[in-house]
Structures are given as C-alpha cells and as structure tokens.
Amino acid sequence: MIQRIRIDDRLLHGQVAFSWKSELNFDAVVIASDAAANDPVRKSVMKMCCPEGVKLAVRTVENAAELLKNPRLEKMKVFVVCPDPHTVKCLLELIPDRPLVNLGGMASGEDKRMFSRMVYLSDEDVAALDDIAAQGLEIQVQEVPSTAVQDYKRLREKF
C-alpha cells in the first residue's frame, strides 16, 4: 500500500531516507523517474542512501506504475518518490491509489519562484499540482517530518 508520494527533485538522499523512515516505517521505496531509471550512477548512489532492510526500486514512471499495482505490494508499506509534480500527475493516471502527496524539496531555477522555504515552482509545476489537487488528493508541503505541515491550497492562494 502506498503510504505517501513525495516530490523531491533530489529523489532519495539521506535526509529523506532516514527522517521519513522513522516517521512512516516503510518497507520499500519506489523511485518513479525516467531519468534516474536510466542512470546507473544515480541508481547506485540511491542504493547507498536507502535504509538497511528497506527494498528499493528505481523505475521509469510506466514501470513504477506496474510495480505499484502488483498485489505483493499491497501488504507492504511503500514510500514513492518522484522528481516533480508532472511525474506525479503521470503516475497517478496509471495507478488506482490516491495517497497523500508530500511536496518536499524543489530547487530554485530558471522560471521558478519561491513557493515555500524549500520549494521553488515553475508555472508548469503549479499547473500539475493544481490538477492533482482538483482530483481531490491532499497535498502537504513539508520538508521533513520534524517541520510544520503547510497546506498546498493556502500557499497556492498566496502564490
């Protein structure tokens, strides 16, 4: 069962792996990213960041969706990580689950504006998040479990 989908452009790194592991006690991490799935070096680094005893799968969005629909995962606590809102939107179109979405970390860049302390969004990012919210999914903005949860809709009104 998917516990949460996290949006973090760094995907799996120590802060995410260990802080969210202690919060959610997940059994598996599924990374849904076409770029990461095709990058052996990046996959190797993520394996080193994965907590001991936790299964890790780095897949393309399509392959991640197939894996997430596998009945064997229904009994597992699964933490899904995607690099951006568009990827989450595409993944949600391929799976029946409607988990909470955690917007956690997106770096500043060209055509991006500050949305919250650790989240910078482009107009395309906002459009994808608005589409996700319109489907009735809850979107929480939270860097790590020890920081306060912020509601996407409230931040969106100010954006």
Protein backbone atom coordinates (compact mmCIF):
# COMPACT_ATOMS: atom_id res chain seq x y z
CA MET A 1 0.00 0.00 0.00
CA ILE A 2 1.33 3.42 -0.90
CA GLN A 3 1.74 5.46 2.26
CA ARG A 4 2.76 8.66 0.56
CA ILE A 5 4.09 10.10 -2.68
CA ARG A 6 6.89 12.60 -2.11
CA ILE A 7 8.00 15.18 -4.62
CA ASP A 8 11.72 15.86 -4.21
CA ASP A 9 13.96 16.74 -7.12
CA ARG A 10 16.91 15.10 -5.34
CA LEU A 11 14.86 11.86 -5.10
CA LEU A 12 16.37 9.64 -2.40
CA HIS A 13 19.03 11.13 -0.17
CA GLY A 14 19.98 10.65 3.48
CA GLN A 15 17.66 13.29 4.92
CA VAL A 16 14.62 11.89 3.14
CA ALA A 17 15.51 8.25 3.60
CA PHE A 18 16.07 8.32 7.33
CA SER A 19 13.73 11.05 8.56
CA TRP A 20 10.76 9.67 6.64
CA LYS A 21 11.70 6.06 7.52
CA SER A 22 11.40 6.86 11.21
CA GLU A 23 8.09 8.64 10.60
CA LEU A 24 6.42 6.16 8.25
CA ASN A 25 8.29 2.91 8.94
CA PHE A 26 8.07 1.94 5.26
CA ASP A 27 9.21 -1.42 3.88
CA ALA A 28 10.01 -0.26 0.36
CA VAL A 29 10.88 2.84 -1.62
CA VAL A 30 9.82 3.16 -5.24
CA ILE A 31 11.51 5.92 -7.21
CA ALA A 32 9.44 6.87 -10.27
CA SER A 33 11.75 8.77 -12.59
CA ASP A 34 12.56 8.09 -16.22
CA ALA A 35 15.91 9.90 -15.92
CA ALA A 36 17.03 8.11 -12.74
CA ALA A 37 15.92 4.71 -14.03
CA ASN A 38 18.27 5.15 -16.98
CA ASP A 39 21.24 6.43 -14.93
CA PRO A 40 23.30 3.61 -13.35
CA VAL A 41 25.43 6.01 -11.30
CA ARG A 42 22.42 7.75 -9.80
CA LYS A 43 20.78 4.40 -9.02
CA SER A 44 23.95 3.27 -7.27
CA VAL A 45 24.04 6.41 -5.11
CA MET A 46 20.39 5.97 -4.13
CA LYS A 47 21.06 2.35 -3.11
CA MET A 48 23.70 3.65 -0.69
CA CYS A 49 21.16 6.09 0.80
CA CYS A 50 18.45 3.52 1.30
CA PRO A 51 17.99 2.42 4.93
CA GLU A 52 19.03 -1.11 5.79
CA GLY A 53 16.25 -3.65 5.36
CA VAL A 54 14.25 -1.41 3.00
CA LYS A 55 13.69 -2.59 -0.55
CA LEU A 56 14.47 -0.04 -3.27
CA ALA A 57 13.15 0.03 -6.83
CA VAL A 58 14.18 2.73 -9.29
CA ARG A 59 11.86 2.57 -12.29
CA THR A 60 10.54 4.58 -15.19
CA VAL A 61 7.13 6.07 -14.48
CA GLU A 62 5.38 3.37 -16.50
CA ASN A 63 7.33 0.53 -14.87
CA ALA A 64 6.84 2.07 -11.41
CA ALA A 65 3.08 2.09 -12.02
CA GLU A 66 3.14 -1.59 -12.97
CA LEU A 67 5.16 -2.42 -9.86
CA LEU A 68 2.81 -0.40 -7.62
CA LYS A 69 -0.17 -2.36 -8.96
CA ASN A 70 1.49 -5.67 -8.05
CA PRO A 71 -0.62 -7.44 -5.38
CA ARG A 72 2.54 -8.32 -3.39
CA LEU A 73 3.00 -4.62 -2.59
CA GLU A 74 -0.49 -4.37 -1.04
CA LYS A 75 0.89 -5.85 2.18
CA MET A 76 3.95 -3.61 2.21
CA LYS A 77 4.25 -0.01 3.36
CA VAL A 78 5.54 1.79 0.26
CA PHE A 79 7.04 5.27 0.04
CA VAL A 80 7.05 6.64 -3.52
CA VAL A 81 9.38 9.45 -4.56
CA CYS A 82 9.08 11.45 -7.79
CA PRO A 83 11.25 14.31 -9.05
CA ASP A 84 8.48 16.77 -9.92
CA PRO A 85 4.72 17.37 -9.96
CA HIS A 86 4.35 16.42 -13.62
CA THR A 87 5.78 12.96 -12.89
CA VAL A 88 3.34 12.51 -10.00
CA LYS A 89 0.45 13.54 -12.24
CA CYS A 90 1.52 10.98 -14.87
CA LEU A 91 1.96 8.26 -12.24
CA LEU A 92 -1.47 8.94 -10.74
CA GLU A 93 -3.03 8.47 -14.18
CA LEU A 94 -1.61 4.92 -14.20
CA ILE A 95 -2.47 3.69 -10.70
CA PRO A 96 -5.74 3.33 -8.76
CA ASP A 97 -4.32 4.51 -5.39
CA ARG A 98 -4.94 8.07 -4.22
CA PRO A 99 -2.36 8.63 -1.45
CA LEU A 100 -1.36 11.82 0.26
CA VAL A 101 1.15 13.86 -1.77
CA ASN A 102 4.07 15.43 0.07
CA LEU A 103 5.74 18.38 -1.66
CA GLY A 104 9.17 18.40 -0.06
CA GLY A 105 12.04 19.84 -1.98
CA MET A 106 12.44 21.50 -5.35
CA ALA A 107 15.45 23.68 -6.06
CA SER A 108 15.33 27.18 -7.47
CA GLY A 109 15.99 27.59 -11.14
CA GLU A 110 15.13 29.45 -14.27
CA ASP A 111 11.43 30.30 -14.48
CA LYS A 112 10.84 29.14 -10.88
CA ARG A 113 9.51 31.20 -7.99
CA MET A 114 9.66 30.55 -4.27
CA PHE A 115 6.56 28.67 -3.13
CA SER A 116 7.79 27.81 0.36
CA ARG A 117 11.13 27.71 2.12
CA MET A 118 12.44 24.64 0.26
CA VAL A 119 10.12 24.60 -2.75
CA TYR A 120 10.51 26.61 -5.94
CA LEU A 121 7.91 26.05 -8.66
CA SER A 122 7.52 26.88 -12.33
CA ASP A 123 4.14 27.65 -13.87
CA GLU A 124 4.16 24.09 -15.27
CA ASP A 125 4.76 22.68 -11.77
CA VAL A 126 1.85 24.70 -10.36
CA ALA A 127 -0.46 23.59 -13.17
CA ALA A 128 0.36 19.92 -12.47
CA LEU A 129 -0.18 20.39 -8.71
CA ASP A 130 -3.47 22.18 -9.36
CA ASP A 131 -4.57 19.20 -11.48
CA ILE A 132 -3.60 16.79 -8.70
CA ALA A 133 -5.48 18.87 -6.10
CA ALA A 134 -8.52 19.04 -8.41
CA GLN A 135 -8.65 15.22 -8.30
CA GLY A 136 -9.27 15.52 -4.58
CA LEU A 137 -5.83 14.46 -3.42
CA GLU A 138 -4.40 16.10 -0.34
CA ILE A 139 -1.11 17.91 -0.96
CA GLN A 140 1.00 18.78 2.03
CA VAL A 141 4.12 20.90 1.87
CA GLN A 142 6.64 19.58 4.37
CA GLU A 143 10.40 19.36 4.15
CA VAL A 144 10.86 16.62 6.78
CA PRO A 145 8.61 15.16 9.48
CA SER A 146 10.03 17.50 12.15
CA THR A 147 8.93 20.63 10.24
CA ALA A 148 5.40 22.01 10.24
CA VAL A 149 2.97 20.81 7.61
CA GLN A 150 1.70 23.55 5.30
CA ASP A 151 -1.43 23.18 3.21
CA TYR A 152 -0.87 23.44 -0.55
CA LYS A 153 -4.14 25.27 -1.19
CA ARG A 154 -3.34 28.02 1.32
CA LEU A 155 0.15 28.52 -0.06
CA ARG A 156 -1.27 28.44 -3.57
CA GLU A 157 -3.64 31.33 -2.78
CA LYS A 158 -0.66 33.47 -1.78
CA PHE A 159 1.46 32.38 -4.75
